[in-house]
């Protein structure tokens, strides 16, 4: 072989030509589109705003003087509830609930660990109330409420009001997670969703076990040790008795807490 080159030769036995490797250009970052604001445009001419609270409940409203004209549209039937709150919880809030088989929405009193109950007739100040069921099962609840009423959480015409909402197809105490909270400016529909903490079923079970342990084991033993006071005194065991008795009493108080 007379001569050869690195990238080729006239000789048929020479190495094949190697094509140059193309190095791809660095990808150009694509700017992320900003999230579009939620539309509050109402499809009902009777109201200025409409806000889909979730896929099944829509809240419509219009401010008229010192009142709010409102509509709760519930898809698929069932009850719908909305309440002004001070602490993101339904208990002690001022709730308005529409029930499918009732004539009109009403004000309800909600206290901890009880089923909501209607307020007294003297407190039922809602006007222009109605409940309308459609053939497809949807329910429409309408009412007009004063923004400010004695003894109730005020609804602000300017600024944020904290609202809690829920809906369900069973009893009023059952909403199957269909609930939420938001701080809403009724005058502009500017709002901030508030995350609600879910109830921890495991924590409830542990609390129940500790309650049973405290009252079925520690409390009886504490009473038994109290009755053994004179026996322990007579046998020089007062110090041991005192420590055991104090430990059982303290444990009985701490476990359920």
C-alpha atoms as a PDB file:
ATOM      1  CA  UNK A   1       0.000   0.000   0.000  1.00  0.00           C
ATOM      2  CA  UNK A   2       1.613   3.202  -1.154  1.00  0.00           C
ATOM      3  CA  UNK A   3      -0.134   5.667   1.055  1.00  0.00           C
ATOM      4  CA  UNK A   4      -3.334   6.300   2.988  1.00  0.00           C
ATOM      5  CA  UNK A   5      -5.105   9.088   4.711  1.00  0.00           C
ATOM      6  CA  UNK A   6      -7.116   9.126   7.863  1.00  0.00           C
ATOM      7  CA  UNK A   7     -10.522   9.879   6.305  1.00  0.00           C
ATOM      8  CA  UNK A   8     -10.205   8.012   2.977  1.00  0.00           C
ATOM      9  CA  UNK A   9      -8.095   6.390   0.262  1.00  0.00           C
ATOM     10  CA  UNK A  10      -8.280   5.396  -3.355  1.00  0.00           C
ATOM     11  CA  UNK A  11      -7.675   1.788  -2.287  1.00  0.00           C
ATOM     12  CA  UNK A  12     -10.821  -0.301  -2.111  1.00  0.00           C
ATOM     13  CA  UNK A  13      -9.647  -1.893   1.144  1.00  0.00           C
ATOM     14  CA  UNK A  14      -9.279   1.409   2.948  1.00  0.00           C
ATOM     15  CA  UNK A  15     -11.531   2.313   5.943  1.00  0.00           C
ATOM     16  CA  UNK A  16     -14.933   3.798   5.082  1.00  0.00           C
ATOM     17  CA  UNK A  17     -15.461   7.484   5.350  1.00  0.00           C
ATOM     18  CA  UNK A  18     -16.822   8.538   8.786  1.00  0.00           C
ATOM     19  CA  UNK A  19     -19.576  11.122   8.582  1.00  0.00           C
ATOM     20  CA  UNK A  20     -19.216  14.058  10.962  1.00  0.00           C
ATOM     21  CA  UNK A  21     -21.476  13.963  14.038  1.00  0.00           C
ATOM     22  CA  UNK A  22     -23.939  16.834  14.255  1.00  0.00           C
ATOM     23  CA  UNK A  23     -24.204  18.317  17.739  1.00  0.00           C
ATOM     24  CA  UNK A  24     -27.781  19.449  18.411  1.00  0.00           C
ATOM     25  CA  UNK A  25     -28.335  22.991  19.486  1.00  0.00           C
ATOM     26  CA  UNK A  26     -29.331  23.635  23.086  1.00  0.00           C
ATOM     27  CA  UNK A  27     -33.112  23.741  23.371  1.00  0.00           C
ATOM     28  CA  UNK A  28     -34.599  27.163  23.787  1.00  0.00           C
ATOM     29  CA  UNK A  29     -36.735  27.368  26.956  1.00  0.00           C
ATOM     30  CA  UNK A  30     -40.412  27.868  26.215  1.00  0.00           C
ATOM     31  CA  UNK A  31     -41.959  30.407  28.547  1.00  0.00           C
ATOM     32  CA  UNK A  32     -44.685  28.920  30.739  1.00  0.00           C
ATOM     33  CA  UNK A  33     -48.049  30.482  30.166  1.00  0.00           C
ATOM     34  CA  UNK A  34     -49.465  32.171  33.229  1.00  0.00           C
ATOM     35  CA  UNK A  35     -52.635  30.670  34.666  1.00  0.00           C
ATOM     36  CA  UNK A  36     -55.702  32.462  33.478  1.00  0.00           C
ATOM     37  CA  UNK A  37     -57.833  34.028  36.203  1.00  0.00           C
ATOM     38  CA  UNK A  38     -61.059  32.253  37.105  1.00  0.00           C
ATOM     39  CA  UNK A  39     -64.011  33.817  35.322  1.00  0.00           C
ATOM     40  CA  UNK A  40     -66.824  35.130  37.485  1.00  0.00           C
ATOM     41  CA  UNK A  41     -69.065  36.058  34.580  1.00  0.00           C
ATOM     42  CA  UNK A  42     -72.651  35.102  35.319  1.00  0.00           C
ATOM     43  CA  UNK A  43     -74.697  33.178  32.773  1.00  0.00           C
ATOM     44  CA  UNK A  44     -77.824  34.271  34.652  1.00  0.00           C
ATOM     45  CA  UNK A  45     -78.868  37.876  33.921  1.00  0.00           C
ATOM     46  CA  UNK A  46     -80.386  38.162  37.407  1.00  0.00           C
ATOM     47  CA  UNK A  47     -76.911  38.068  38.975  1.00  0.00           C
ATOM     48  CA  UNK A  48     -73.631  39.938  38.476  1.00  0.00           C
ATOM     49  CA  UNK A  49     -71.259  37.145  39.482  1.00  0.00           C
ATOM     50  CA  UNK A  50     -71.104  33.352  39.342  1.00  0.00           C
ATOM     51  CA  UNK A  51     -68.420  31.244  40.991  1.00  0.00           C
ATOM     52  CA  UNK A  52     -68.158  27.461  40.525  1.00  0.00           C
ATOM     53  CA  UNK A  53     -67.278  26.231  44.011  1.00  0.00           C
ATOM     54  CA  UNK A  54     -66.742  22.749  42.588  1.00  0.00           C
ATOM     55  CA  UNK A  55     -68.149  20.623  39.786  1.00  0.00           C
ATOM     56  CA  UNK A  56     -71.561  20.337  41.434  1.00  0.00           C
ATOM     57  CA  UNK A  57     -72.201  23.658  43.184  1.00  0.00           C
ATOM     58  CA  UNK A  58     -72.211  27.182  41.749  1.00  0.00           C
ATOM     59  CA  UNK A  59     -72.730  30.340  43.781  1.00  0.00           C
ATOM     60  CA  UNK A  60     -74.405  33.315  42.071  1.00  0.00           C
ATOM     61  CA  UNK A  61     -74.858  36.735  43.662  1.00  0.00           C
ATOM     62  CA  UNK A  62     -75.593  40.431  43.206  1.00  0.00           C
ATOM     63  CA  UNK A  63     -75.245  43.237  45.741  1.00  0.00           C
ATOM     64  CA  UNK A  64     -78.310  45.472  45.881  1.00  0.00           C
ATOM     65  CA  UNK A  65     -78.134  48.256  48.445  1.00  0.00           C
ATOM     66  CA  UNK A  66     -77.703  46.677  51.877  1.00  0.00           C
ATOM     67  CA  UNK A  67     -78.658  43.196  50.679  1.00  0.00           C
ATOM     68  CA  UNK A  68     -77.220  40.310  48.709  1.00  0.00           C
ATOM     69  CA  UNK A  69     -79.374  38.450  46.192  1.00  0.00           C
ATOM     70  CA  UNK A  70     -77.988  34.941  45.931  1.00  0.00           C
ATOM     71  CA  UNK A  71     -78.489  31.636  44.168  1.00  0.00           C
ATOM     72  CA  UNK A  72     -77.022  28.212  44.894  1.00  0.00           C
ATOM     73  CA  UNK A  73     -77.230  25.924  41.883  1.00  0.00           C
ATOM     74  CA  UNK A  74     -76.765  22.270  42.850  1.00  0.00           C
ATOM     75  CA  UNK A  75     -76.217  19.766  40.062  1.00  0.00           C
ATOM     76  CA  UNK A  76     -77.614  16.310  40.662  1.00  0.00           C
ATOM     77  CA  UNK A  77     -79.884  17.266  43.537  1.00  0.00           C
ATOM     78  CA  UNK A  78     -79.290  17.188  47.268  1.00  0.00           C
ATOM     79  CA  UNK A  79     -78.703  19.923  49.785  1.00  0.00           C
ATOM     80  CA  UNK A  80     -76.457  22.971  49.414  1.00  0.00           C
ATOM     81  CA  UNK A  81     -75.046  25.099  52.214  1.00  0.00           C
ATOM     82  CA  UNK A  82     -73.046  28.306  52.429  1.00  0.00           C
ATOM     83  CA  UNK A  83     -72.036  30.096  55.594  1.00  0.00           C
ATOM     84  CA  UNK A  84     -70.158  33.147  56.796  1.00  0.00           C
ATOM     85  CA  UNK A  85     -67.500  32.082  59.269  1.00  0.00           C
ATOM     86  CA  UNK A  86     -64.866  33.556  61.536  1.00  0.00           C
ATOM     87  CA  UNK A  87     -62.633  30.504  61.857  1.00  0.00           C
ATOM     88  CA  UNK A  88     -62.963  28.266  58.749  1.00  0.00           C
ATOM     89  CA  UNK A  89     -65.313  25.871  60.547  1.00  0.00           C
ATOM     90  CA  UNK A  90     -69.040  25.262  60.070  1.00  0.00           C
ATOM     91  CA  UNK A  91     -69.853  25.187  63.833  1.00  0.00           C
ATOM     92  CA  UNK A  92     -70.713  28.668  65.144  1.00  0.00           C
ATOM     93  CA  UNK A  93     -70.992  29.992  61.585  1.00  0.00           C
ATOM     94  CA  UNK A  94     -74.075  31.651  60.100  1.00  0.00           C
ATOM     95  CA  UNK A  95     -75.311  29.089  57.599  1.00  0.00           C
ATOM     96  CA  UNK A  96     -77.967  29.194  54.915  1.00  0.00           C
ATOM     97  CA  UNK A  97     -78.996  25.745  53.726  1.00  0.00           C
ATOM     98  CA  UNK A  98     -81.262  24.690  50.915  1.00  0.00           C
ATOM     99  CA  UNK A  99     -82.809  21.235  51.173  1.00  0.00           C
ATOM    100  CA  UNK A 100     -84.282  19.580  48.130  1.00  0.00           C
ATOM    101  CA  UNK A 101     -87.628  18.624  49.679  1.00  0.00           C
ATOM    102  CA  UNK A 102     -88.063  21.925  51.574  1.00  0.00           C
ATOM    103  CA  UNK A 103     -90.022  24.890  50.275  1.00  0.00           C
ATOM    104  CA  UNK A 104     -87.156  27.381  50.532  1.00  0.00           C
ATOM    105  CA  UNK A 105     -83.635  27.884  51.912  1.00  0.00           C
ATOM    106  CA  UNK A 106     -83.440  28.744  55.616  1.00  0.00           C
ATOM    107  CA  UNK A 107     -80.995  29.958  58.207  1.00  0.00           C
ATOM    108  CA  UNK A 108     -79.484  27.179  60.284  1.00  0.00           C
ATOM    109  CA  UNK A 109     -77.691  26.969  63.588  1.00  0.00           C
ATOM    110  CA  UNK A 110     -74.647  24.718  63.609  1.00  0.00           C
ATOM    111  CA  UNK A 111     -73.041  23.639  66.859  1.00  0.00           C
ATOM    112  CA  UNK A 112     -70.184  21.157  67.380  1.00  0.00           C
ATOM    113  CA  UNK A 113     -71.075  17.461  67.132  1.00  0.00           C
ATOM    114  CA  UNK A 114     -74.753  18.066  66.369  1.00  0.00           C
ATOM    115  CA  UNK A 115     -76.927  17.967  63.268  1.00  0.00           C
ATOM    116  CA  UNK A 116     -77.718  21.484  61.958  1.00  0.00           C
ATOM    117  CA  UNK A 117     -81.111  22.778  63.093  1.00  0.00           C
ATOM    118  CA  UNK A 118     -83.235  25.620  61.767  1.00  0.00           C
ATOM    119  CA  UNK A 119     -83.036  28.892  63.658  1.00  0.00           C
ATOM    120  CA  UNK A 120     -86.065  30.335  65.421  1.00  0.00           C
ATOM    121  CA  UNK A 121     -88.776  31.926  63.297  1.00  0.00           C
ATOM    122  CA  UNK A 122     -87.801  35.374  64.597  1.00  0.00           C
ATOM    123  CA  UNK A 123     -84.325  34.877  63.074  1.00  0.00           C
ATOM    124  CA  UNK A 124     -85.576  33.742  59.655  1.00  0.00           C
ATOM    125  CA  UNK A 125     -85.092  37.080  57.892  1.00  0.00           C
ATOM    126  CA  UNK A 126     -84.375  35.769  54.384  1.00  0.00           C
ATOM    127  CA  UNK A 127     -86.655  37.112  51.666  1.00  0.00           C
ATOM    128  CA  UNK A 128     -87.412  36.170  48.054  1.00  0.00           C
ATOM    129  CA  UNK A 129     -86.660  32.543  48.872  1.00  0.00           C
ATOM    130  CA  UNK A 130     -87.393  29.648  46.542  1.00  0.00           C
ATOM    131  CA  UNK A 131     -86.418  26.066  45.785  1.00  0.00           C
ATOM    132  CA  UNK A 132     -86.856  24.809  42.229  1.00  0.00           C
ATOM    133  CA  UNK A 133     -86.106  21.279  41.041  1.00  0.00           C
ATOM    134  CA  UNK A 134     -85.568  20.594  37.345  1.00  0.00           C
ATOM    135  CA  UNK A 135     -86.563  17.372  35.523  1.00  0.00           C
ATOM    136  CA  UNK A 136     -82.903  16.322  35.234  1.00  0.00           C
ATOM    137  CA  UNK A 137     -82.483  16.389  39.009  1.00  0.00           C
ATOM    138  CA  UNK A 138     -80.692  19.728  39.428  1.00  0.00           C
ATOM    139  CA  UNK A 139     -81.899  22.037  42.204  1.00  0.00           C
ATOM    140  CA  UNK A 140     -81.918  25.829  42.317  1.00  0.00           C
ATOM    141  CA  UNK A 141     -81.959  27.633  45.693  1.00  0.00           C
ATOM    142  CA  UNK A 142     -82.519  31.402  45.800  1.00  0.00           C
ATOM    143  CA  UNK A 143     -82.678  33.943  48.608  1.00  0.00           C
ATOM    144  CA  UNK A 144     -82.048  37.569  49.528  1.00  0.00           C
ATOM    145  CA  UNK A 145     -80.226  38.410  52.758  1.00  0.00           C
ATOM    146  CA  UNK A 146     -79.271  41.584  54.618  1.00  0.00           C
ATOM    147  CA  UNK A 147     -75.512  42.115  54.590  1.00  0.00           C
ATOM    148  CA  UNK A 148     -75.450  43.152  58.246  1.00  0.00           C
ATOM    149  CA  UNK A 149     -77.750  41.662  60.876  1.00  0.00           C
ATOM    150  CA  UNK A 150     -77.655  41.751  64.671  1.00  0.00           C
ATOM    151  CA  UNK A 151     -75.887  38.784  66.195  1.00  0.00           C
ATOM    152  CA  UNK A 152     -74.595  37.478  62.862  1.00  0.00           C
ATOM    153  CA  UNK A 153     -71.273  37.602  61.051  1.00  0.00           C
ATOM    154  CA  UNK A 154     -71.477  40.564  58.624  1.00  0.00           C
ATOM    155  CA  UNK A 155     -71.137  40.081  54.873  1.00  0.00           C
ATOM    156  CA  UNK A 156     -68.789  42.793  53.657  1.00  0.00           C
ATOM    157  CA  UNK A 157     -69.745  44.857  50.621  1.00  0.00           C
ATOM    158  CA  UNK A 158     -66.072  45.849  50.371  1.00  0.00           C
ATOM    159  CA  UNK A 159     -63.232  43.556  51.386  1.00  0.00           C
ATOM    160  CA  UNK A 160     -63.054  39.845  52.084  1.00  0.00           C
ATOM    161  CA  UNK A 161     -65.665  37.741  53.830  1.00  0.00           C
ATOM    162  CA  UNK A 162     -64.760  34.206  54.868  1.00  0.00           C
ATOM    163  CA  UNK A 163     -67.226  31.655  53.471  1.00  0.00           C
ATOM    164  CA  UNK A 164     -67.589  27.930  54.116  1.00  0.00           C
ATOM    165  CA  UNK A 165     -69.610  25.770  51.721  1.00  0.00           C
ATOM    166  CA  UNK A 166     -70.742  22.164  51.515  1.00  0.00           C
ATOM    167  CA  UNK A 167     -73.197  19.983  49.655  1.00  0.00           C
ATOM    168  CA  UNK A 168     -74.334  16.391  49.659  1.00  0.00           C
ATOM    169  CA  UNK A 169     -77.049  13.950  48.741  1.00  0.00           C
ATOM    170  CA  UNK A 170     -77.598  12.449  52.188  1.00  0.00           C
ATOM    171  CA  UNK A 171     -78.326  13.997  55.575  1.00  0.00           C
ATOM    172  CA  UNK A 172     -77.019  17.413  56.540  1.00  0.00           C
ATOM    173  CA  UNK A 173     -74.181  15.873  58.532  1.00  0.00           C
ATOM    174  CA  UNK A 174     -72.853  13.994  55.478  1.00  0.00           C
ATOM    175  CA  UNK A 175     -71.016  15.767  52.668  1.00  0.00           C
ATOM    176  CA  UNK A 176     -68.461  13.101  51.640  1.00  0.00           C
ATOM    177  CA  UNK A 177     -65.670  15.651  51.287  1.00  0.00           C
ATOM    178  CA  UNK A 178     -67.782  18.035  49.179  1.00  0.00           C
ATOM    179  CA  UNK A 179     -66.816  21.114  51.129  1.00  0.00           C
ATOM    180  CA  UNK A 180     -64.476  24.072  50.956  1.00  0.00           C
ATOM    181  CA  UNK A 181     -63.660  27.558  52.144  1.00  0.00           C
ATOM    182  CA  UNK A 182     -62.672  30.820  50.531  1.00  0.00           C
ATOM    183  CA  UNK A 183     -62.091  34.442  51.385  1.00  0.00           C
ATOM    184  CA  UNK A 184     -64.285  36.285  48.873  1.00  0.00           C
ATOM    185  CA  UNK A 185     -64.712  39.944  47.982  1.00  0.00           C
ATOM    186  CA  UNK A 186     -68.395  40.140  47.047  1.00  0.00           C
ATOM    187  CA  UNK A 187     -67.909  43.421  45.204  1.00  0.00           C
ATOM    188  CA  UNK A 188     -65.254  42.188  42.768  1.00  0.00           C
ATOM    189  CA  UNK A 189     -65.204  38.353  42.958  1.00  0.00           C
ATOM    190  CA  UNK A 190     -61.536  38.436  43.949  1.00  0.00           C
ATOM    191  CA  UNK A 191     -61.058  35.403  46.166  1.00  0.00           C
ATOM    192  CA  UNK A 192     -58.516  33.159  47.826  1.00  0.00           C
ATOM    193  CA  UNK A 193     -59.222  29.475  48.346  1.00  0.00           C
ATOM    194  CA  UNK A 194     -58.500  28.177  51.828  1.00  0.00           C
ATOM    195  CA  UNK A 195     -57.332  24.620  52.326  1.00  0.00           C
ATOM    196  CA  UNK A 196     -59.335  22.739  54.932  1.00  0.00           C
ATOM    197  CA  UNK A 197     -57.617  20.050  56.960  1.00  0.00           C
ATOM    198  CA  UNK A 198     -59.146  16.629  56.539  1.00  0.00           C
ATOM    199  CA  UNK A 199     -60.219  14.691  59.589  1.00  0.00           C
ATOM    200  CA  UNK A 200     -57.615  12.059  60.442  1.00  0.00           C
ATOM    201  CA  UNK A 201     -59.527   8.832  61.086  1.00  0.00           C
ATOM    202  CA  UNK A 202     -56.416   7.168  62.535  1.00  0.00           C
ATOM    203  CA  UNK A 203     -56.055   9.966  65.080  1.00  0.00           C
ATOM    204  CA  UNK A 204     -59.698   9.547  66.062  1.00  0.00           C
ATOM    205  CA  UNK A 205     -59.165   5.824  66.680  1.00  0.00           C
ATOM    206  CA  UNK A 206     -56.066   6.467  68.779  1.00  0.00           C
ATOM    207  CA  UNK A 207     -57.920   9.100  70.771  1.00  0.00           C
ATOM    208  CA  UNK A 208     -60.733   6.635  71.407  1.00  0.00           C
ATOM    209  CA  UNK A 209     -58.327   3.926  72.586  1.00  0.00           C
ATOM    210  CA  UNK A 210     -56.645   6.369  74.969  1.00  0.00           C
ATOM    211  CA  UNK A 211     -60.030   7.495  76.308  1.00  0.00           C
ATOM    212  CA  UNK A 212     -61.038   3.885  77.008  1.00  0.00           C
ATOM    213  CA  UNK A 213     -57.685   3.174  78.665  1.00  0.00           C
ATOM    214  CA  UNK A 214     -57.934   6.272  80.848  1.00  0.00           C
ATOM    215  CA  UNK A 215     -61.486   5.724  82.100  1.00  0.00           C
ATOM    216  CA  UNK A 216     -61.661   1.926  82.237  1.00  0.00           C
ATOM    217  CA  UNK A 217     -58.181   1.245  83.604  1.00  0.00           C
ATOM    218  CA  UNK A 218     -56.488   4.272  85.142  1.00  0.00           C
ATOM    219  CA  UNK A 219     -59.557   5.760  86.834  1.00  0.00           C
ATOM    220  CA  UNK A 220     -60.635   2.536  88.620  1.00  0.00           C
ATOM    221  CA  UNK A 221     -57.053   1.846  89.690  1.00  0.00           C
ATOM    222  CA  UNK A 222     -56.748   5.388  91.018  1.00  0.00           C
ATOM    223  CA  UNK A 223     -59.877   4.874  93.110  1.00  0.00           C
ATOM    224  CA  UNK A 224     -58.584   1.510  94.341  1.00  0.00           C
ATOM    225  CA  UNK A 225     -55.260   3.043  95.412  1.00  0.00           C
ATOM    226  CA  UNK A 226     -57.139   5.807  97.243  1.00  0.00           C
ATOM    227  CA  UNK A 227     -58.931   3.189  99.318  1.00  0.00           C
ATOM    228  CA  UNK A 228     -55.593   1.499 100.123  1.00  0.00           C
ATOM    229  CA  UNK A 229     -54.215   4.620 101.781  1.00  0.00           C
ATOM    230  CA  UNK A 230     -54.590   3.427 105.383  1.00  0.00           C
ATOM    231  CA  UNK A 231     -53.226  -0.030 104.559  1.00  0.00           C
ATOM    232  CA  UNK A 232     -50.102   1.499 103.004  1.00  0.00           C
ATOM    233  CA  UNK A 233     -49.692   3.889 105.950  1.00  0.00           C
ATOM    234  CA  UNK A 234     -49.778   1.003 108.394  1.00  0.00           C
ATOM    235  CA  UNK A 235     -47.144  -0.919 106.447  1.00  0.00           C
ATOM    236  CA  UNK A 236     -44.765   1.975 105.795  1.00  0.00           C
ATOM    237  CA  UNK A 237     -45.637   2.232 102.119  1.00  0.00           C
ATOM    238  CA  UNK A 238     -47.059   5.747 102.129  1.00  0.00           C
ATOM    239  CA  UNK A 239     -44.441   7.158  99.720  1.00  0.00           C
ATOM    240  CA  UNK A 240     -44.994   4.359  97.201  1.00  0.00           C
ATOM    241  CA  UNK A 241     -48.760   4.752  97.564  1.00  0.00           C
ATOM    242  CA  UNK A 242     -48.569   8.494  96.986  1.00  0.00           C
ATOM    243  CA  UNK A 243     -46.471   8.135  93.819  1.00  0.00           C
ATOM    244  CA  UNK A 244     -48.738   5.415  92.368  1.00  0.00           C
ATOM    245  CA  UNK A 245     -51.912   7.283  93.165  1.00  0.00           C
ATOM    246  CA  UNK A 246     -50.581  10.549  91.673  1.00  0.00           C
ATOM    247  CA  UNK A 247     -49.298   8.760  88.577  1.00  0.00           C
ATOM    248  CA  UNK A 248     -52.662   7.082  87.885  1.00  0.00           C
ATOM    249  CA  UNK A 249     -54.615  10.285  88.414  1.00  0.00           C
ATOM    250  CA  UNK A 250     -52.297  12.293  86.154  1.00  0.00           C
ATOM    251  CA  UNK A 251     -52.352   9.584  83.479  1.00  0.00           C
ATOM    252  CA  UNK A 252     -56.147   9.564  83.544  1.00  0.00           C
ATOM    253  CA  UNK A 253     -56.147  13.308  82.793  1.00  0.00           C
ATOM    254  CA  UNK A 254     -53.363  13.317  80.182  1.00  0.00           C
ATOM    255  CA  UNK A 255     -54.367  10.327  78.012  1.00  0.00           C
ATOM    256  CA  UNK A 256     -57.702  11.759  76.720  1.00  0.00           C
ATOM    257  CA  UNK A 257     -56.258  15.248  76.163  1.00  0.00           C
END
